[in-house]
Amino acid sequence: MKVLIVGLGSIALKHIAALRKIDPNIELYAIRSSLKADAKKGIINIFSFDDLDHIEIDFAIISNPTSIHKETIEHLIPKKIPLFIEKPLFSSLGNKAVLQKIDSNNIITYVACNLRFLDCIKFAKKYIQRKRINEVNVYCGSYLPDWRPGIDYKTTYSANRKLGGGVHIDLIHEIDYAYWLFGKPQEVHKVFSSKSSLNIDAYDYANYMLGYTTFNANIVLNYFRRDPKRTLEIVCDDHTITIDILENTVYQNKEIIFTSKKTIMDTYEDQLRFFIHEVVAKDNKFNTANEAYEILEICLQND
């Protein structure tokens, strides 16, 4: 298997580790922006998209800054290879022409929102079938300076709006799994701000209210909580379940009704296996660029 990596940051390293577990003999290529770029063990550097004309790439992973996803996708569309795109799809709206090019060239796409592969979220997907839901509460709070140890958090894309950063889009996983579990909302209300002691340019707080026919879903995201918390609460007509995403555990009345030893890190391998065996091999459609664009509209429309 031959895979192209565009963007060799921290998230790409997670995908690379997962790929090497799936196929120890994998050939990895990376587009590098400079001839002086450091060599990475087991990765072949290339310096132009034109070099791909001489390599039979099975698919590409786009994991560079969100602000240049559009440009990267446009470079790769003529190559007609499947695209595994790190979330979020774009840093702004107004890119439907790119989606039309993807469709007209029959490009297979998958946008990587790996929480769909976490066991407790998959449990919730089955659990809510035929349940009467009255309310949903989603919360994700963590401390941005702890995300990338040894790196000044203010220099990262997460902290800079012009690079496509901001908690409202950086933590799009929560919007994505809500969309996957409950469908497209009929209405969306939101509040974004940057008022915390982090003193960053990008939004560090986001509050969404997604309106459905019979219930509302409230989603709160932040970059400034020092004790990480990531939960999904589903209030049904006769009981409530609370899903602790960090623990991969589901509670009802404080009693465990489901738990899994797998971690969020395991989902990187799970989603790549799914992409390779189901999306690429069988052309099954799952979180395509078009679907991811709808989720992006929830995040950014009228922002």
C-alpha atoms as a PDB file:
ATOM      1  CA  MET A   1       0.000   0.000   0.000  1.00  0.00           C
ATOM      2  CA  LYS A   2       1.269   3.471  -0.937  1.00  0.00           C
ATOM      3  CA  VAL A   3      -0.062   6.489   0.926  1.00  0.00           C
ATOM      4  CA  LEU A   4       0.624  10.193   0.508  1.00  0.00           C
ATOM      5  CA  ILE A   5       0.749  12.410   3.603  1.00  0.00           C
ATOM      6  CA  VAL A   6       0.202  16.145   3.181  1.00  0.00           C
ATOM      7  CA  GLY A   7       1.206  17.821   6.441  1.00  0.00           C
ATOM      8  CA  LEU A   8       3.498  16.075   8.927  1.00  0.00           C
ATOM      9  CA  GLY A   9       2.241  17.551  12.195  1.00  0.00           C
ATOM     10  CA  SER A  10       1.188  15.801  15.385  1.00  0.00           C
ATOM     11  CA  ILE A  11      -2.084  14.486  13.990  1.00  0.00           C
ATOM     12  CA  ALA A  12      -0.303  13.032  10.949  1.00  0.00           C
ATOM     13  CA  LEU A  13       2.027  11.097  13.243  1.00  0.00           C
ATOM     14  CA  LYS A  14      -1.022   9.430  14.833  1.00  0.00           C
ATOM     15  CA  HIS A  15      -2.307   8.407  11.410  1.00  0.00           C
ATOM     16  CA  ILE A  16       1.145   7.155  10.395  1.00  0.00           C
ATOM     17  CA  ALA A  17       1.423   5.013  13.542  1.00  0.00           C
ATOM     18  CA  ALA A  18      -1.999   3.531  12.807  1.00  0.00           C
ATOM     19  CA  LEU A  19      -1.109   2.850   9.168  1.00  0.00           C
ATOM     20  CA  ARG A  20       2.054   1.006  10.165  1.00  0.00           C
ATOM     21  CA  LYS A  21       0.020  -1.259  12.449  1.00  0.00           C
ATOM     22  CA  ILE A  22      -2.362  -2.019   9.598  1.00  0.00           C
ATOM     23  CA  ASP A  23       0.380  -2.591   7.017  1.00  0.00           C
ATOM     24  CA  PRO A  24       3.975  -2.935   8.291  1.00  0.00           C
ATOM     25  CA  ASN A  25       5.203  -2.813   4.679  1.00  0.00           C
ATOM     26  CA  ILE A  26       3.410   0.403   3.806  1.00  0.00           C
ATOM     27  CA  GLU A  27       5.195   2.955   1.608  1.00  0.00           C
ATOM     28  CA  LEU A  28       4.696   6.485   2.877  1.00  0.00           C
ATOM     29  CA  TYR A  29       5.277   9.617   0.833  1.00  0.00           C
ATOM     30  CA  ALA A  30       5.095  13.174   2.106  1.00  0.00           C
ATOM     31  CA  ILE A  31       4.734  16.443   0.237  1.00  0.00           C
ATOM     32  CA  ARG A  32       7.321  18.794   1.728  1.00  0.00           C
ATOM     33  CA  SER A  33       7.360  22.553   1.263  1.00  0.00           C
ATOM     34  CA  SER A  34      11.141  22.932   1.412  1.00  0.00           C
ATOM     35  CA  LEU A  35      14.133  21.010   0.111  1.00  0.00           C
ATOM     36  CA  LYS A  36      15.626  21.572   3.566  1.00  0.00           C
ATOM     37  CA  ALA A  37      12.775  19.743   5.305  1.00  0.00           C
ATOM     38  CA  ASP A  38      13.928  17.174   7.841  1.00  0.00           C
ATOM     39  CA  ALA A  39      13.900  13.571   6.727  1.00  0.00           C
ATOM     40  CA  LYS A  40      11.465  11.360   8.646  1.00  0.00           C
ATOM     41  CA  LYS A  41      12.334   7.700   9.110  1.00  0.00           C
ATOM     42  CA  GLY A  42      10.457   5.502   6.681  1.00  0.00           C
ATOM     43  CA  ILE A  43       8.912   8.418   4.781  1.00  0.00           C
ATOM     44  CA  ILE A  44       9.906   9.394   1.252  1.00  0.00           C
ATOM     45  CA  ASN A  45       9.936  13.144   0.655  1.00  0.00           C
ATOM     46  CA  ILE A  46       8.521  14.603  -2.546  1.00  0.00           C
ATOM     47  CA  PHE A  47       8.376  18.293  -3.318  1.00  0.00           C
ATOM     48  CA  SER A  48       5.723  18.688  -5.989  1.00  0.00           C
ATOM     49  CA  PHE A  49       2.273  17.287  -6.639  1.00  0.00           C
ATOM     50  CA  ASP A  50       3.512  16.596 -10.169  1.00  0.00           C
ATOM     51  CA  ASP A  51       5.785  13.895  -8.717  1.00  0.00           C
ATOM     52  CA  LEU A  52       2.638  11.865  -8.049  1.00  0.00           C
ATOM     53  CA  ASP A  53       2.284  11.226 -11.780  1.00  0.00           C
ATOM     54  CA  HIS A  54       5.034   8.616 -11.401  1.00  0.00           C
ATOM     55  CA  ILE A  55       3.752   6.975  -8.194  1.00  0.00           C
ATOM     56  CA  GLU A  56       0.660   4.776  -7.878  1.00  0.00           C
ATOM     57  CA  ILE A  57      -0.742   6.230  -4.667  1.00  0.00           C
ATOM     58  CA  ASP A  58      -3.629   4.311  -3.062  1.00  0.00           C
ATOM     59  CA  PHE A  59      -4.934   7.328  -1.143  1.00  0.00           C
ATOM     60  CA  ALA A  60      -3.861  10.620   0.394  1.00  0.00           C
ATOM     61  CA  ILE A  61      -4.151  11.873   3.961  1.00  0.00           C
ATOM     62  CA  ILE A  62      -4.629  15.640   4.163  1.00  0.00           C
ATOM     63  CA  SER A  63      -3.452  16.715   7.620  1.00  0.00           C
ATOM     64  CA  ASN A  64      -1.964  20.146   7.011  1.00  0.00           C
ATOM     65  CA  PRO A  65      -3.439  23.349   8.516  1.00  0.00           C
ATOM     66  CA  THR A  66      -7.162  23.670   7.852  1.00  0.00           C
ATOM     67  CA  SER A  67      -6.639  27.030   6.162  1.00  0.00           C
ATOM     68  CA  ILE A  68      -4.918  25.321   3.204  1.00  0.00           C
ATOM     69  CA  HIS A  69      -7.151  22.247   2.872  1.00  0.00           C
ATOM     70  CA  LYS A  70      -8.985  23.798  -0.072  1.00  0.00           C
ATOM     71  CA  GLU A  71      -5.756  24.453  -1.972  1.00  0.00           C
ATOM     72  CA  THR A  72      -4.481  20.949  -1.230  1.00  0.00           C
ATOM     73  CA  ILE A  73      -7.701  19.268  -2.337  1.00  0.00           C
ATOM     74  CA  GLU A  74      -7.661  21.217  -5.598  1.00  0.00           C
ATOM     75  CA  HIS A  75      -4.100  20.001  -6.248  1.00  0.00           C
ATOM     76  CA  LEU A  76      -5.136  16.399  -5.637  1.00  0.00           C
ATOM     77  CA  ILE A  77      -8.455  16.249  -7.508  1.00  0.00           C
ATOM     78  CA  PRO A  78      -6.752  15.770 -10.921  1.00  0.00           C
ATOM     79  CA  LYS A  79      -4.860  12.786  -9.470  1.00  0.00           C
ATOM     80  CA  LYS A  80      -8.211  11.023  -8.897  1.00  0.00           C
ATOM     81  CA  ILE A  81      -7.119   9.284  -5.700  1.00  0.00           C
ATOM     82  CA  PRO A  82      -9.253   8.788  -2.564  1.00  0.00           C
ATOM     83  CA  LEU A  83      -8.871  11.553   0.020  1.00  0.00           C
ATOM     84  CA  PHE A  84      -8.777  11.017   3.788  1.00  0.00           C
ATOM     85  CA  ILE A  85      -9.184  14.583   5.062  1.00  0.00           C
ATOM     86  CA  GLU A  86      -8.449  15.556   8.645  1.00  0.00           C
ATOM     87  CA  LYS A  87     -11.239  17.505  10.297  1.00  0.00           C
ATOM     88  CA  PRO A  88     -12.469  20.132   9.800  1.00  0.00           C
ATOM     89  CA  LEU A  89     -12.969  20.044   6.053  1.00  0.00           C
ATOM     90  CA  PHE A  90     -12.347  23.778   5.536  1.00  0.00           C
ATOM     91  CA  SER A  91     -11.761  26.814   7.723  1.00  0.00           C
ATOM     92  CA  SER A  92     -14.577  28.765   6.061  1.00  0.00           C
ATOM     93  CA  LEU A  93     -17.685  28.345   3.930  1.00  0.00           C
ATOM     94  CA  GLY A  94     -18.043  29.397   0.305  1.00  0.00           C
ATOM     95  CA  ASN A  95     -16.264  26.318  -1.041  1.00  0.00           C
ATOM     96  CA  LYS A  96     -19.112  24.426  -2.694  1.00  0.00           C
ATOM     97  CA  ALA A  97     -17.352  24.685  -6.054  1.00  0.00           C
ATOM     98  CA  VAL A  98     -14.633  22.420  -4.653  1.00  0.00           C
ATOM     99  CA  LEU A  99     -17.282  19.877  -3.639  1.00  0.00           C
ATOM    100  CA  GLN A 100     -18.695  19.969  -7.158  1.00  0.00           C
ATOM    101  CA  LYS A 101     -15.224  19.222  -8.559  1.00  0.00           C
ATOM    102  CA  ILE A 102     -14.881  16.304  -6.146  1.00  0.00           C
ATOM    103  CA  ASP A 103     -18.243  14.910  -7.263  1.00  0.00           C
ATOM    104  CA  SER A 104     -17.688  15.442 -10.979  1.00  0.00           C
ATOM    105  CA  ASN A 105     -14.361  13.600 -10.756  1.00  0.00           C
ATOM    106  CA  ASN A 106     -15.853  10.771  -8.660  1.00  0.00           C
ATOM    107  CA  ILE A 107     -13.299  11.291  -5.907  1.00  0.00           C
ATOM    108  CA  ILE A 108     -13.818   9.115  -2.832  1.00  0.00           C
ATOM    109  CA  THR A 109     -13.644  11.246   0.328  1.00  0.00           C
ATOM    110  CA  TYR A 110     -13.805  10.713   4.059  1.00  0.00           C
ATOM    111  CA  VAL A 111     -13.457  13.463   6.668  1.00  0.00           C
ATOM    112  CA  ALA A 112     -11.794  12.142   9.806  1.00  0.00           C
ATOM    113  CA  CYS A 113     -14.055  12.518  12.809  1.00  0.00           C
ATOM    114  CA  ASN A 114     -12.828   9.525  14.747  1.00  0.00           C
ATOM    115  CA  LEU A 115     -15.202   9.758  17.726  1.00  0.00           C
ATOM    116  CA  ARG A 116     -17.781   7.997  15.552  1.00  0.00           C
ATOM    117  CA  PHE A 117     -15.591   4.930  16.085  1.00  0.00           C
ATOM    118  CA  LEU A 118     -15.426   5.177  19.882  1.00  0.00           C
ATOM    119  CA  ASP A 119     -17.298   2.290  21.474  1.00  0.00           C
ATOM    120  CA  CYS A 120     -19.413   4.408  23.833  1.00  0.00           C
ATOM    121  CA  ILE A 121     -20.601   6.603  20.947  1.00  0.00           C
ATOM    122  CA  LYS A 122     -21.412   3.522  18.872  1.00  0.00           C
ATOM    123  CA  PHE A 123     -23.318   2.187  21.884  1.00  0.00           C
ATOM    124  CA  ALA A 124     -25.300   5.438  22.040  1.00  0.00           C
ATOM    125  CA  LYS A 125     -26.125   5.176  18.332  1.00  0.00           C
ATOM    126  CA  LYS A 126     -27.869   1.849  18.935  1.00  0.00           C
ATOM    127  CA  TYR A 127     -29.255   2.742  22.362  1.00  0.00           C
ATOM    128  CA  ILE A 128     -31.268   5.762  21.260  1.00  0.00           C
ATOM    129  CA  GLN A 129     -33.205   3.857  18.625  1.00  0.00           C
ATOM    130  CA  ARG A 130     -36.919   3.987  19.589  1.00  0.00           C
ATOM    131  CA  LYS A 131     -36.122   6.084  22.659  1.00  0.00           C
ATOM    132  CA  ARG A 132     -38.094   9.288  23.317  1.00  0.00           C
ATOM    133  CA  ILE A 133     -35.454  11.976  23.810  1.00  0.00           C
ATOM    134  CA  ASN A 134     -36.351  15.194  25.635  1.00  0.00           C
ATOM    135  CA  GLU A 135     -32.945  16.864  25.925  1.00  0.00           C
ATOM    136  CA  VAL A 136     -29.284  16.402  24.993  1.00  0.00           C
ATOM    137  CA  ASN A 137     -26.294  18.045  26.680  1.00  0.00           C
ATOM    138  CA  VAL A 138     -22.801  17.827  25.219  1.00  0.00           C
ATOM    139  CA  TYR A 139     -19.737  19.199  26.994  1.00  0.00           C
ATOM    140  CA  CYS A 140     -16.070  19.266  26.023  1.00  0.00           C
ATOM    141  CA  GLY A 141     -13.615  21.311  28.030  1.00  0.00           C
ATOM    142  CA  SER A 142      -9.835  20.974  28.186  1.00  0.00           C
ATOM    143  CA  TYR A 143      -6.741  23.141  28.595  1.00  0.00           C
ATOM    144  CA  LEU A 144      -5.193  24.234  25.309  1.00  0.00           C
ATOM    145  CA  PRO A 145      -1.650  24.759  26.731  1.00  0.00           C
ATOM    146  CA  ASP A 146      -1.588  21.050  27.641  1.00  0.00           C
ATOM    147  CA  TRP A 147      -2.434  19.883  24.134  1.00  0.00           C
ATOM    148  CA  ARG A 148       1.067  20.144  22.685  1.00  0.00           C
ATOM    149  CA  PRO A 149       3.700  19.950  25.456  1.00  0.00           C
ATOM    150  CA  GLY A 150       6.825  21.981  24.821  1.00  0.00           C
ATOM    151  CA  ILE A 151       5.139  24.250  22.267  1.00  0.00           C
ATOM    152  CA  ASP A 152       3.876  27.763  22.990  1.00  0.00           C
ATOM    153  CA  TYR A 153       0.124  27.300  22.606  1.00  0.00           C
ATOM    154  CA  LYS A 154      -0.279  30.847  21.292  1.00  0.00           C
ATOM    155  CA  THR A 155       1.720  29.913  18.178  1.00  0.00           C
ATOM    156  CA  THR A 156      -0.455  26.912  17.282  1.00  0.00           C
ATOM    157  CA  TYR A 157      -3.205  27.002  14.678  1.00  0.00           C
ATOM    158  CA  SER A 158      -5.771  26.319  17.408  1.00  0.00           C
ATOM    159  CA  ALA A 159      -5.088  29.716  18.954  1.00  0.00           C
ATOM    160  CA  ASN A 160      -5.052  31.695  15.708  1.00  0.00           C
ATOM    161  CA  ARG A 161      -8.207  32.551  13.825  1.00  0.00           C
ATOM    162  CA  LYS A 162      -6.424  33.265  10.539  1.00  0.00           C
ATOM    163  CA  LEU A 163      -5.064  29.693  10.499  1.00  0.00           C
ATOM    164  CA  GLY A 164      -8.539  28.249  10.932  1.00  0.00           C
ATOM    165  CA  GLY A 165      -8.317  27.868  14.689  1.00  0.00           C
ATOM    166  CA  GLY A 166     -10.896  28.355  17.391  1.00  0.00           C
ATOM    167  CA  VAL A 167     -12.693  25.972  19.705  1.00  0.00           C
ATOM    168  CA  HIS A 168     -15.935  26.306  17.707  1.00  0.00           C
ATOM    169  CA  ILE A 169     -14.348  24.455  14.792  1.00  0.00           C
ATOM    170  CA  ASP A 170     -11.336  22.756  16.390  1.00  0.00           C
ATOM    171  CA  LEU A 171     -13.663  20.639  18.531  1.00  0.00           C
ATOM    172  CA  ILE A 172     -15.991  19.911  15.642  1.00  0.00           C
ATOM    173  CA  HIS A 173     -15.992  16.275  16.823  1.00  0.00           C
ATOM    174  CA  GLU A 174     -18.824  17.138  19.204  1.00  0.00           C
ATOM    175  CA  ILE A 175     -20.903  18.712  16.432  1.00  0.00           C
ATOM    176  CA  ASP A 176     -20.096  15.768  14.194  1.00  0.00           C
ATOM    177  CA  TYR A 177     -21.203  13.021  16.547  1.00  0.00           C
ATOM    178  CA  ALA A 178     -24.344  14.959  17.468  1.00  0.00           C
ATOM    179  CA  TYR A 179     -25.146  15.157  13.736  1.00  0.00           C
ATOM    180  CA  TRP A 180     -24.400  11.432  13.356  1.00  0.00           C
ATOM    181  CA  LEU A 181     -26.521  10.426  16.345  1.00  0.00           C
ATOM    182  CA  PHE A 182     -29.482  12.763  15.952  1.00  0.00           C
ATOM    183  CA  GLY A 183     -29.405  13.976  12.345  1.00  0.00           C
ATOM    184  CA  LYS A 184     -29.388  17.433  10.862  1.00  0.00           C
ATOM    185  CA  PRO A 185     -30.992  20.015  13.183  1.00  0.00           C
ATOM    186  CA  GLN A 186     -33.899  22.179  12.078  1.00  0.00           C
ATOM    187  CA  GLU A 187     -32.410  25.277  13.708  1.00  0.00           C
ATOM    188  CA  VAL A 188     -29.058  26.394  15.103  1.00  0.00           C
ATOM    189  CA  HIS A 189     -28.256  29.130  17.611  1.00  0.00           C
ATOM    190  CA  LYS A 190     -24.754  29.834  18.873  1.00  0.00           C
ATOM    191  CA  VAL A 191     -22.543  32.107  20.931  1.00  0.00           C
ATOM    192  CA  PHE A 192     -18.762  32.344  20.468  1.00  0.00           C
ATOM    193  CA  SER A 193     -16.337  34.349  22.588  1.00  0.00           C
ATOM    194  CA  SER A 194     -12.709  34.784  23.583  1.00  0.00           C
ATOM    195  CA  LYS A 195     -12.757  36.185  27.104  1.00  0.00           C
ATOM    196  CA  SER A 196     -10.674  33.753  29.139  1.00  0.00           C
ATOM    197  CA  SER A 197      -7.219  34.114  30.665  1.00  0.00           C
ATOM    198  CA  LEU A 198      -5.703  32.291  27.676  1.00  0.00           C
ATOM    199  CA  ASN A 199      -5.598  35.624  25.812  1.00  0.00           C
ATOM    200  CA  ILE A 200      -5.761  34.139  22.333  1.00  0.00           C
ATOM    201  CA  ASP A 201      -7.036  35.556  19.062  1.00  0.00           C
ATOM    202  CA  ALA A 202      -9.302  32.607  18.237  1.00  0.00           C
ATOM    203  CA  TYR A 203     -12.542  31.786  20.040  1.00  0.00           C
ATOM    204  CA  ASP A 204     -11.911  29.855  23.263  1.00  0.00           C
ATOM    205  CA  TYR A 205     -15.597  29.286  24.110  1.00  0.00           C
ATOM    206  CA  ALA A 206     -18.527  28.112  22.008  1.00  0.00           C
ATOM    207  CA  ASN A 207     -22.127  27.385  22.957  1.00  0.00           C
ATOM    208  CA  TYR A 208     -24.473  25.800  20.418  1.00  0.00           C
ATOM    209  CA  MET A 209     -28.183  25.058  20.662  1.00  0.00           C
ATOM    210  CA  LEU A 210     -29.340  22.628  18.002  1.00  0.00           C
ATOM    211  CA  GLY A 211     -33.101  22.476  17.624  1.00  0.00           C
ATOM    212  CA  TYR A 212     -34.798  19.218  16.630  1.00  0.00           C
ATOM    213  CA  THR A 213     -38.490  18.402  16.257  1.00  0.00           C
ATOM    214  CA  THR A 214     -38.989  17.042  19.776  1.00  0.00           C
ATOM    215  CA  PHE A 215     -35.893  18.138  21.715  1.00  0.00           C
ATOM    216  CA  ASN A 216     -32.963  20.538  21.872  1.00  0.00           C
ATOM    217  CA  ALA A 217     -29.271  19.647  22.027  1.00  0.00           C
ATOM    218  CA  ASN A 218     -26.943  21.981  23.905  1.00  0.00           C
ATOM    219  CA  ILE A 219     -23.224  21.843  23.104  1.00  0.00           C
ATOM    220  CA  VAL A 220     -20.599  23.686  25.178  1.00  0.00           C
ATOM    221  CA  LEU A 221     -16.940  23.726  24.115  1.00  0.00           C
ATOM    222  CA  ASN A 222     -13.932  25.453  25.660  1.00  0.00           C
ATOM    223  CA  TYR A 223     -10.131  25.585  25.623  1.00  0.00           C
ATOM    224  CA  PHE A 224      -9.600  26.737  29.218  1.00  0.00           C
ATOM    225  CA  ARG A 225     -10.757  23.945  31.547  1.00  0.00           C
ATOM    226  CA  ARG A 226      -7.753  22.530  33.432  1.00  0.00           C
ATOM    227  CA  ASP A 227      -9.513  19.340  34.538  1.00  0.00           C
ATOM    228  CA  PRO A 228     -10.628  17.782  31.237  1.00  0.00           C
ATOM    229  CA  LYS A 229     -14.263  16.827  30.874  1.00  0.00           C
ATOM    230  CA  ARG A 230     -15.927  15.308  27.813  1.00  0.00           C
ATOM    231  CA  THR A 231     -19.461  14.061  28.224  1.00  0.00           C
ATOM    232  CA  LEU A 232     -22.725  13.408  26.425  1.00  0.00           C
ATOM    233  CA  GLU A 233     -25.954  13.393  28.421  1.00  0.00           C
ATOM    234  CA  ILE A 234     -29.148  12.075  26.843  1.00  0.00           C
ATOM    235  CA  VAL A 235     -32.336  12.796  28.782  1.00  0.00           C
ATOM    236  CA  CYS A 236     -35.068  10.357  27.798  1.00  0.00           C
ATOM    237  CA  ASP A 237     -38.688  10.398  28.950  1.00  0.00           C
ATOM    238  CA  ASP A 238     -38.111   7.896  31.758  1.00  0.00           C
ATOM    239  CA  HIS A 239     -34.364   7.960  32.456  1.00  0.00           C
ATOM    240  CA  THR A 240     -31.062   9.687  31.668  1.00  0.00           C
ATOM    241  CA  ILE A 241     -27.815   8.221  30.406  1.00  0.00           C
ATOM    242  CA  THR A 242     -24.460   9.947  30.759  1.00  0.00           C
ATOM    243  CA  ILE A 243     -21.596   9.030  28.474  1.00  0.00           C
ATOM    244  CA  ASP A 244     -18.074   9.750  29.723  1.00  0.00           C
ATOM    245  CA  ILE A 245     -16.127   9.904  26.496  1.00  0.00           C
ATOM    246  CA  LEU A 246     -12.716  10.077  28.167  1.00  0.00           C
ATOM    247  CA  GLU A 247     -13.508   6.870  30.090  1.00  0.00           C
ATOM    248  CA  ASN A 248     -15.442   5.216  27.232  1.00  0.00           C
ATOM    249  CA  THR A 249     -18.174   4.413  29.729  1.00  0.00           C
ATOM    250  CA  VAL A 250     -21.962   4.868  29.877  1.00  0.00           C
ATOM    251  CA  TYR A 251     -23.881   5.438  33.112  1.00  0.00           C
ATOM    252  CA  GLN A 252     -27.557   5.260  34.046  1.00  0.00           C
ATOM    253  CA  ASN A 253     -28.483   6.355  37.571  1.00  0.00           C
ATOM    254  CA  LYS A 254     -24.744   6.392  38.357  1.00  0.00           C
ATOM    255  CA  GLU A 255     -24.462   2.706  37.487  1.00  0.00           C
ATOM    256  CA  ILE A 256     -22.313   1.512  34.597  1.00  0.00           C
ATOM    257  CA  ILE A 257     -24.400   0.027  31.793  1.00  0.00           C
ATOM    258  CA  PHE A 258     -21.580  -0.111  29.240  1.00  0.00           C
ATOM    259  CA  THR A 259     -17.813   0.256  29.286  1.00  0.00           C
ATOM    260  CA  SER A 260     -14.929  -0.466  26.944  1.00  0.00           C
ATOM    261  CA  LYS A 261     -11.187  -0.729  27.491  1.00  0.00           C
ATOM    262  CA  LYS A 262     -10.487   0.866  24.118  1.00  0.00           C
ATOM    263  CA  THR A 263      -9.304   4.469  24.109  1.00  0.00           C
ATOM    264  CA  ILE A 264      -9.708   7.426  21.789  1.00  0.00           C
ATOM    265  CA  MET A 265      -6.211   6.636  20.464  1.00  0.00           C
ATOM    266  CA  ASP A 266      -7.513   3.254  19.278  1.00  0.00           C
ATOM    267  CA  THR A 267     -10.064   4.989  17.065  1.00  0.00           C
ATOM    268  CA  TYR A 268      -7.318   6.310  14.776  1.00  0.00           C
ATOM    269  CA  GLU A 269      -6.546   2.767  13.697  1.00  0.00           C
ATOM    270  CA  ASP A 270     -10.221   1.773  13.624  1.00  0.00           C
ATOM    271  CA  GLN A 271     -11.219   4.610  11.307  1.00  0.00           C
ATOM    272  CA  LEU A 272      -8.299   3.970   8.946  1.00  0.00           C
ATOM    273  CA  ARG A 273      -9.181   0.276   8.743  1.00  0.00           C
ATOM    274  CA  PHE A 274     -12.761   1.272   7.969  1.00  0.00           C
ATOM    275  CA  PHE A 275     -11.598   3.769   5.350  1.00  0.00           C
ATOM    276  CA  ILE A 276      -9.303   1.262   3.638  1.00  0.00           C
ATOM    277  CA  HIS A 277     -11.646  -1.746   3.717  1.00  0.00           C
ATOM    278  CA  GLU A 278     -15.066  -0.131   3.410  1.00  0.00           C
ATOM    279  CA  VAL A 279     -14.659   3.274   1.775  1.00  0.00           C
ATOM    280  CA  VAL A 280     -11.763   2.733  -0.620  1.00  0.00           C
ATOM    281  CA  ALA A 281     -12.339  -0.959  -1.400  1.00  0.00           C
ATOM    282  CA  LYS A 282     -16.143  -0.948  -1.519  1.00  0.00           C
ATOM    283  CA  ASP A 283     -16.910   2.721  -2.201  1.00  0.00           C
ATOM    284  CA  ASN A 284     -19.174   2.890   0.844  1.00  0.00           C
ATOM    285  CA  LYS A 285     -20.054   6.484   1.609  1.00  0.00           C
ATOM    286  CA  PHE A 286     -19.435   7.615   5.188  1.00  0.00           C
ATOM    287  CA  ASN A 287     -18.820  11.176   6.360  1.00  0.00           C
ATOM    288  CA  THR A 288     -18.018  12.348   2.857  1.00  0.00           C
ATOM    289  CA  ALA A 289     -16.861  15.863   2.047  1.00  0.00           C
ATOM    290  CA  ASN A 290     -20.475  16.784   1.287  1.00  0.00           C
ATOM    291  CA  GLU A 291     -21.705  15.562   4.661  1.00  0.00           C
ATOM    292  CA  ALA A 292     -18.785  17.232   6.436  1.00  0.00           C
ATOM    293  CA  TYR A 293     -19.669  20.488   4.690  1.00  0.00           C
ATOM    294  CA  GLU A 294     -23.177  20.339   6.180  1.00  0.00           C
ATOM    295  CA  ILE A 295     -21.605  19.954   9.618  1.00  0.00           C
ATOM    296  CA  LEU A 296     -19.273  22.856   8.863  1.00  0.00           C
ATOM    297  CA  GLU A 297     -22.320  24.975   8.039  1.00  0.00           C
ATOM    298  CA  ILE A 298     -23.668  24.280  11.526  1.00  0.00           C
ATOM    299  CA  CYS A 299     -20.395  25.607  12.933  1.00  0.00           C
ATOM    300  CA  LEU A 300     -19.835  28.601  10.677  1.00  0.00           C
ATOM    301  CA  GLN A 301     -23.019  29.753   8.949  1.00  0.00           C
ATOM    302  CA  ASN A 302     -23.792  33.364   9.891  1.00  0.00           C
ATOM    303  CA  ASP A 303     -20.630  33.426  12.026  1.00  0.00           C
END
